[in-house]
Amino acid sequence: MKLKNRLVYHVYGFIFAREDGHPQLRKVVETRLKRLLKKAELEKNITPHSFRHTHTSLLIEAGVGIKEIQQRLGHTDINTTMNIYAHMTANMEEKASQQFSKLMKDLLL
């Protein structure tokens, strides 16, 4: 879309942008998403914001640091990120503990 409309396209970094680069109306995105879900015969309540949470969850599972995630999400305070995703980081801490225990067992054998 950027190349096609390069003379009028403004790069603002929006994920859902109109042909001129300005943000797409939320209702337009939600309506299109609902139509796609129906066409795919998926009875899920997925919103555009769901993609943000999925992306963040995948980053956490991949071992990306919480500070980097905070910056990527644009949270000014790391506590905001921690409060929203505390359950995910707790799961990662448990996995890290299990991996460390396994490593120590392997070293002793």
N, C-alpha and C. Protein backbone atom coordinates (compact mmCIF):
# COMPACT_ATOMS: atom_id res chain seq x y z
N MET A 1 0.82 -1.18 0.00
CA MET A 1 0.00 0.00 0.00
C MET A 1 0.88 1.26 0.00
N LYS A 2 2.00 1.18 0.74
CA LYS A 2 2.90 2.34 0.77
C LYS A 2 3.43 2.67 -0.62
N LEU A 3 3.86 1.64 -1.35
CA LEU A 3 4.41 1.86 -2.68
C LEU A 3 3.34 2.34 -3.65
N LYS A 4 2.18 1.74 -3.59
CA LYS A 4 1.09 2.10 -4.50
C LYS A 4 0.66 3.55 -4.30
N ASN A 5 0.67 4.01 -3.06
CA ASN A 5 0.19 5.35 -2.73
C ASN A 5 1.31 6.27 -2.25
N ARG A 6 2.53 6.02 -2.71
CA ARG A 6 3.70 6.72 -2.17
C ARG A 6 3.62 8.24 -2.24
N LEU A 7 2.86 8.77 -3.18
CA LEU A 7 2.77 10.23 -3.30
C LEU A 7 1.90 10.86 -2.20
N VAL A 8 0.98 10.08 -1.66
CA VAL A 8 0.07 10.62 -0.63
C VAL A 8 0.20 9.89 0.71
N TYR A 9 0.99 8.82 0.74
CA TYR A 9 1.08 7.99 1.95
C TYR A 9 2.01 8.62 2.98
N HIS A 10 1.51 8.77 4.18
CA HIS A 10 2.30 9.28 5.30
C HIS A 10 2.63 8.10 6.21
N VAL A 11 3.90 7.92 6.53
CA VAL A 11 4.32 6.80 7.36
C VAL A 11 4.21 7.19 8.83
N TYR A 12 3.19 6.67 9.47
CA TYR A 12 2.97 6.91 10.90
C TYR A 12 3.21 5.64 11.72
N GLY A 13 3.37 4.51 11.03
CA GLY A 13 3.64 3.27 11.73
C GLY A 13 2.41 2.53 12.21
N PHE A 14 1.24 2.87 11.69
CA PHE A 14 0.02 2.18 12.10
C PHE A 14 -0.04 0.81 11.44
N ILE A 15 -0.51 -0.17 12.18
CA ILE A 15 -0.68 -1.51 11.64
C ILE A 15 -1.88 -1.55 10.72
N PHE A 16 -2.97 -0.93 11.16
CA PHE A 16 -4.18 -0.85 10.35
C PHE A 16 -4.31 0.58 9.84
N ALA A 17 -3.85 0.79 8.62
CA ALA A 17 -3.81 2.13 8.06
C ALA A 17 -4.70 2.23 6.82
N ARG A 18 -5.15 3.45 6.56
CA ARG A 18 -5.88 3.72 5.32
C ARG A 18 -4.87 3.87 4.19
N GLU A 19 -5.35 4.12 3.01
CA GLU A 19 -4.46 4.23 1.85
C GLU A 19 -3.53 5.44 1.91
N ASP A 20 -3.85 6.40 2.79
CA ASP A 20 -2.98 7.56 2.93
C ASP A 20 -2.04 7.45 4.14
N GLY A 21 -2.12 6.31 4.85
CA GLY A 21 -1.24 6.10 6.00
C GLY A 21 -1.84 6.49 7.33
N HIS A 22 -2.93 7.20 7.31
CA HIS A 22 -3.60 7.57 8.55
C HIS A 22 -4.28 6.33 9.14
N PRO A 23 -4.57 6.35 10.44
CA PRO A 23 -5.14 5.15 11.05
C PRO A 23 -6.52 4.81 10.50
N GLN A 24 -6.72 3.51 10.30
CA GLN A 24 -8.03 3.02 9.88
C GLN A 24 -8.98 3.12 11.07
N LEU A 25 -10.25 3.41 10.81
CA LEU A 25 -11.23 3.47 11.89
C LEU A 25 -11.35 2.10 12.54
N ARG A 26 -11.42 2.10 13.84
CA ARG A 26 -11.49 0.86 14.60
C ARG A 26 -12.68 0.01 14.16
N LYS A 27 -13.81 0.64 13.95
CA LYS A 27 -15.03 -0.08 13.56
C LYS A 27 -14.83 -0.80 12.22
N VAL A 28 -14.11 -0.20 11.29
CA VAL A 28 -13.84 -0.82 9.99
C VAL A 28 -13.03 -2.10 10.19
N VAL A 29 -12.00 -2.02 11.02
CA VAL A 29 -11.14 -3.17 11.28
C VAL A 29 -11.94 -4.27 11.98
N GLU A 30 -12.73 -3.90 12.98
CA GLU A 30 -13.53 -4.88 13.71
C GLU A 30 -14.55 -5.57 12.80
N THR A 31 -15.19 -4.80 11.93
CA THR A 31 -16.18 -5.36 11.01
C THR A 31 -15.53 -6.35 10.04
N ARG A 32 -14.38 -5.99 9.50
CA ARG A 32 -13.67 -6.88 8.58
C ARG A 32 -13.20 -8.15 9.29
N LEU A 33 -12.73 -8.01 10.51
CA LEU A 33 -12.27 -9.16 11.28
C LEU A 33 -13.44 -10.11 11.56
N LYS A 34 -14.59 -9.56 11.95
CA LYS A 34 -15.77 -10.40 12.20
C LYS A 34 -16.18 -11.14 10.93
N ARG A 35 -16.12 -10.45 9.79
CA ARG A 35 -16.49 -11.07 8.52
C ARG A 35 -15.53 -12.21 8.19
N LEU A 36 -14.23 -12.00 8.42
CA LEU A 36 -13.25 -13.05 8.16
C LEU A 36 -13.43 -14.25 9.08
N LEU A 37 -13.71 -13.99 10.34
CA LEU A 37 -13.95 -15.08 11.30
C LEU A 37 -15.18 -15.90 10.91
N LYS A 38 -16.22 -15.21 10.47
CA LYS A 38 -17.44 -15.90 10.04
C LYS A 38 -17.17 -16.73 8.80
N LYS A 39 -16.45 -16.15 7.85
CA LYS A 39 -16.12 -16.86 6.62
C LYS A 39 -15.27 -18.10 6.90
N ALA A 40 -14.39 -18.00 7.88
CA ALA A 40 -13.53 -19.12 8.27
C ALA A 40 -14.25 -20.09 9.21
N GLU A 41 -15.51 -19.77 9.51
CA GLU A 41 -16.33 -20.59 10.41
C GLU A 41 -15.70 -20.76 11.79
N LEU A 42 -15.11 -19.67 12.28
CA LEU A 42 -14.52 -19.65 13.62
C LEU A 42 -15.44 -18.86 14.54
N GLU A 43 -15.93 -19.51 15.56
CA GLU A 43 -16.81 -18.84 16.50
C GLU A 43 -16.00 -18.37 17.71
N LYS A 44 -15.13 -17.44 17.47
CA LYS A 44 -14.26 -16.89 18.51
C LYS A 44 -14.51 -15.39 18.62
N ASN A 45 -14.32 -14.88 19.82
CA ASN A 45 -14.42 -13.44 20.02
C ASN A 45 -13.01 -12.85 19.94
N ILE A 46 -12.57 -12.54 18.74
CA ILE A 46 -11.24 -12.00 18.52
C ILE A 46 -11.39 -10.54 18.10
N THR A 47 -10.65 -9.69 18.78
CA THR A 47 -10.65 -8.26 18.44
C THR A 47 -9.26 -7.89 17.95
N PRO A 48 -9.12 -6.73 17.32
CA PRO A 48 -7.77 -6.30 16.92
C PRO A 48 -6.80 -6.26 18.11
N HIS A 49 -7.31 -5.94 19.29
CA HIS A 49 -6.45 -5.89 20.48
C HIS A 49 -5.96 -7.29 20.87
N SER A 50 -6.70 -8.32 20.48
CA SER A 50 -6.29 -9.70 20.76
C SER A 50 -4.93 -10.00 20.13
N PHE A 51 -4.67 -9.41 18.97
CA PHE A 51 -3.39 -9.63 18.29
C PHE A 51 -2.23 -9.09 19.12
N ARG A 52 -2.46 -7.98 19.81
CA ARG A 52 -1.43 -7.39 20.67
C ARG A 52 -1.08 -8.34 21.82
N HIS A 53 -2.12 -8.92 22.43
CA HIS A 53 -1.88 -9.85 23.53
C HIS A 53 -1.20 -11.13 23.04
N THR A 54 -1.62 -11.61 21.89
CA THR A 54 -0.99 -12.81 21.33
C THR A 54 0.47 -12.56 21.03
N HIS A 55 0.76 -11.42 20.42
CA HIS A 55 2.14 -11.06 20.09
C HIS A 55 2.99 -11.01 21.36
N THR A 56 2.45 -10.37 22.40
CA THR A 56 3.18 -10.25 23.65
C THR A 56 3.41 -11.61 24.29
N SER A 57 2.39 -12.45 24.29
CA SER A 57 2.52 -13.79 24.86
C SER A 57 3.60 -14.59 24.14
N LEU A 58 3.64 -14.47 22.82
CA LEU A 58 4.67 -15.17 22.04
C LEU A 58 6.07 -14.64 22.35
N LEU A 59 6.18 -13.33 22.56
CA LEU A 59 7.48 -12.75 22.93
C LEU A 59 7.94 -13.30 24.28
N ILE A 60 7.02 -13.36 25.23
CA ILE A 60 7.36 -13.87 26.57
C ILE A 60 7.79 -15.32 26.47
N GLU A 61 7.02 -16.12 25.72
CA GLU A 61 7.36 -17.55 25.57
C GLU A 61 8.71 -17.73 24.87
N ALA A 62 9.07 -16.78 24.01
CA ALA A 62 10.34 -16.86 23.29
C ALA A 62 11.51 -16.41 24.17
N GLY A 63 11.21 -15.93 25.37
CA GLY A 63 12.26 -15.53 26.29
C GLY A 63 12.72 -14.08 26.16
N VAL A 64 11.94 -13.26 25.46
CA VAL A 64 12.29 -11.85 25.33
C VAL A 64 12.10 -11.18 26.69
N GLY A 65 13.03 -10.32 27.05
CA GLY A 65 13.00 -9.66 28.35
C GLY A 65 11.82 -8.72 28.51
N ILE A 66 11.34 -8.60 29.73
CA ILE A 66 10.17 -7.78 30.01
C ILE A 66 10.42 -6.30 29.70
N LYS A 67 11.66 -5.85 29.86
CA LYS A 67 11.98 -4.44 29.54
C LYS A 67 11.83 -4.20 28.04
N GLU A 68 12.29 -5.14 27.23
CA GLU A 68 12.16 -4.99 25.77
C GLU A 68 10.69 -5.04 25.37
N ILE A 69 9.92 -5.89 26.04
CA ILE A 69 8.49 -5.99 25.75
C ILE A 69 7.79 -4.69 26.13
N GLN A 70 8.15 -4.16 27.28
CA GLN A 70 7.57 -2.88 27.72
C GLN A 70 7.79 -1.80 26.67
N GLN A 71 9.01 -1.70 26.18
CA GLN A 71 9.33 -0.69 25.17
C GLN A 71 8.57 -0.94 23.88
N ARG A 72 8.48 -2.20 23.48
CA ARG A 72 7.79 -2.55 22.24
C ARG A 72 6.30 -2.20 22.32
N LEU A 73 5.70 -2.42 23.50
CA LEU A 73 4.29 -2.12 23.67
C LEU A 73 4.01 -0.64 23.88
N GLY A 74 5.05 0.11 24.23
CA GLY A 74 4.87 1.54 24.44
C GLY A 74 4.37 1.89 25.83
N HIS A 75 4.51 0.95 26.77
CA HIS A 75 4.13 1.26 28.15
C HIS A 75 5.20 2.16 28.75
N THR A 76 4.77 3.25 29.38
CA THR A 76 5.75 4.16 29.99
C THR A 76 6.30 3.60 31.30
N ASP A 77 5.53 2.72 31.92
CA ASP A 77 5.93 2.14 33.21
C ASP A 77 5.99 0.62 33.09
N ILE A 78 7.10 0.03 33.49
CA ILE A 78 7.25 -1.42 33.39
C ILE A 78 6.24 -2.16 34.26
N ASN A 79 5.75 -1.50 35.32
CA ASN A 79 4.74 -2.13 36.17
C ASN A 79 3.44 -2.38 35.42
N THR A 80 3.12 -1.52 34.47
CA THR A 80 1.93 -1.75 33.64
C THR A 80 2.07 -3.06 32.90
N THR A 81 3.22 -3.26 32.28
CA THR A 81 3.48 -4.50 31.54
C THR A 81 3.44 -5.69 32.48
N MET A 82 4.09 -5.56 33.62
CA MET A 82 4.13 -6.66 34.59
C MET A 82 2.74 -7.01 35.10
N ASN A 83 1.92 -6.01 35.38
CA ASN A 83 0.58 -6.26 35.91
C ASN A 83 -0.29 -6.98 34.89
N ILE A 84 -0.18 -6.61 33.64
CA ILE A 84 -1.01 -7.21 32.60
C ILE A 84 -0.56 -8.63 32.29
N TYR A 85 0.76 -8.84 32.26
CA TYR A 85 1.29 -10.13 31.82
C TYR A 85 1.96 -10.93 32.94
N ALA A 86 1.62 -10.64 34.19
CA ALA A 86 2.23 -11.32 35.33
C ALA A 86 2.02 -12.83 35.27
N HIS A 87 0.84 -13.27 34.85
CA HIS A 87 0.57 -14.71 34.79
C HIS A 87 1.48 -15.40 33.78
N MET A 88 1.81 -14.72 32.70
CA MET A 88 2.70 -15.30 31.69
C MET A 88 4.13 -15.37 32.22
N THR A 89 4.58 -14.31 32.86
CA THR A 89 5.95 -14.31 33.36
C THR A 89 6.11 -15.31 34.50
N ALA A 90 5.04 -15.53 35.27
CA ALA A 90 5.10 -16.55 36.34
C ALA A 90 5.29 -17.93 35.73
N ASN A 91 4.60 -18.20 34.63
CA ASN A 91 4.78 -19.48 33.93
C ASN A 91 6.20 -19.63 33.42
N MET A 92 6.78 -18.55 32.92
CA MET A 92 8.14 -18.60 32.40
C MET A 92 9.14 -18.82 33.53
N GLU A 93 8.87 -18.23 34.70
CA GLU A 93 9.76 -18.43 35.85
C GLU A 93 9.74 -19.90 36.27
N GLU A 94 8.57 -20.52 36.24
CA GLU A 94 8.46 -21.94 36.59
C GLU A 94 9.23 -22.79 35.58
N LYS A 95 9.10 -22.47 34.31
CA LYS A 95 9.84 -23.21 33.28
C LYS A 95 11.34 -23.05 33.47
N ALA A 96 11.77 -21.83 33.78
CA ALA A 96 13.19 -21.57 33.99
C ALA A 96 13.71 -22.38 35.17
N SER A 97 12.92 -22.46 36.22
CA SER A 97 13.31 -23.23 37.39
C SER A 97 13.44 -24.71 37.04
N GLN A 98 12.49 -25.22 36.28
CA GLN A 98 12.53 -26.63 35.87
C GLN A 98 13.75 -26.90 34.97
N GLN A 99 14.03 -25.98 34.06
CA GLN A 99 15.17 -26.16 33.17
C GLN A 99 16.48 -26.14 33.95
N PHE A 100 16.56 -25.24 34.94
CA PHE A 100 17.77 -25.17 35.74
C PHE A 100 17.96 -26.46 36.55
N SER A 101 16.86 -26.96 37.11
CA SER A 101 16.93 -28.22 37.86
C SER A 101 17.40 -29.36 36.97
N LYS A 102 16.89 -29.41 35.77
CA LYS A 102 17.29 -30.46 34.83
C LYS A 102 18.78 -30.33 34.48
N LEU A 103 19.21 -29.10 34.27
CA LEU A 103 20.61 -28.86 33.96
C LEU A 103 21.50 -29.34 35.09
N MET A 104 21.12 -29.04 36.31
CA MET A 104 21.92 -29.44 37.47
C MET A 104 21.95 -30.97 37.60
N LYS A 105 20.82 -31.64 37.37
CA LYS A 105 20.77 -33.09 37.42
C LYS A 105 21.70 -33.69 36.36
N ASP A 106 21.66 -33.13 35.15
CA ASP A 106 22.48 -33.62 34.05
C ASP A 106 23.97 -33.46 34.36
N LEU A 107 24.32 -32.38 35.07
CA LEU A 107 25.72 -32.15 35.42
C LEU A 107 26.20 -33.14 36.46
N LEU A 108 25.31 -33.56 37.34
CA LEU A 108 25.68 -34.49 38.40
C LEU A 108 25.77 -35.92 37.93
N LEU A 109 25.12 -36.22 36.83
CA LEU A 109 25.14 -37.61 36.34
C LEU A 109 26.37 -37.93 35.54
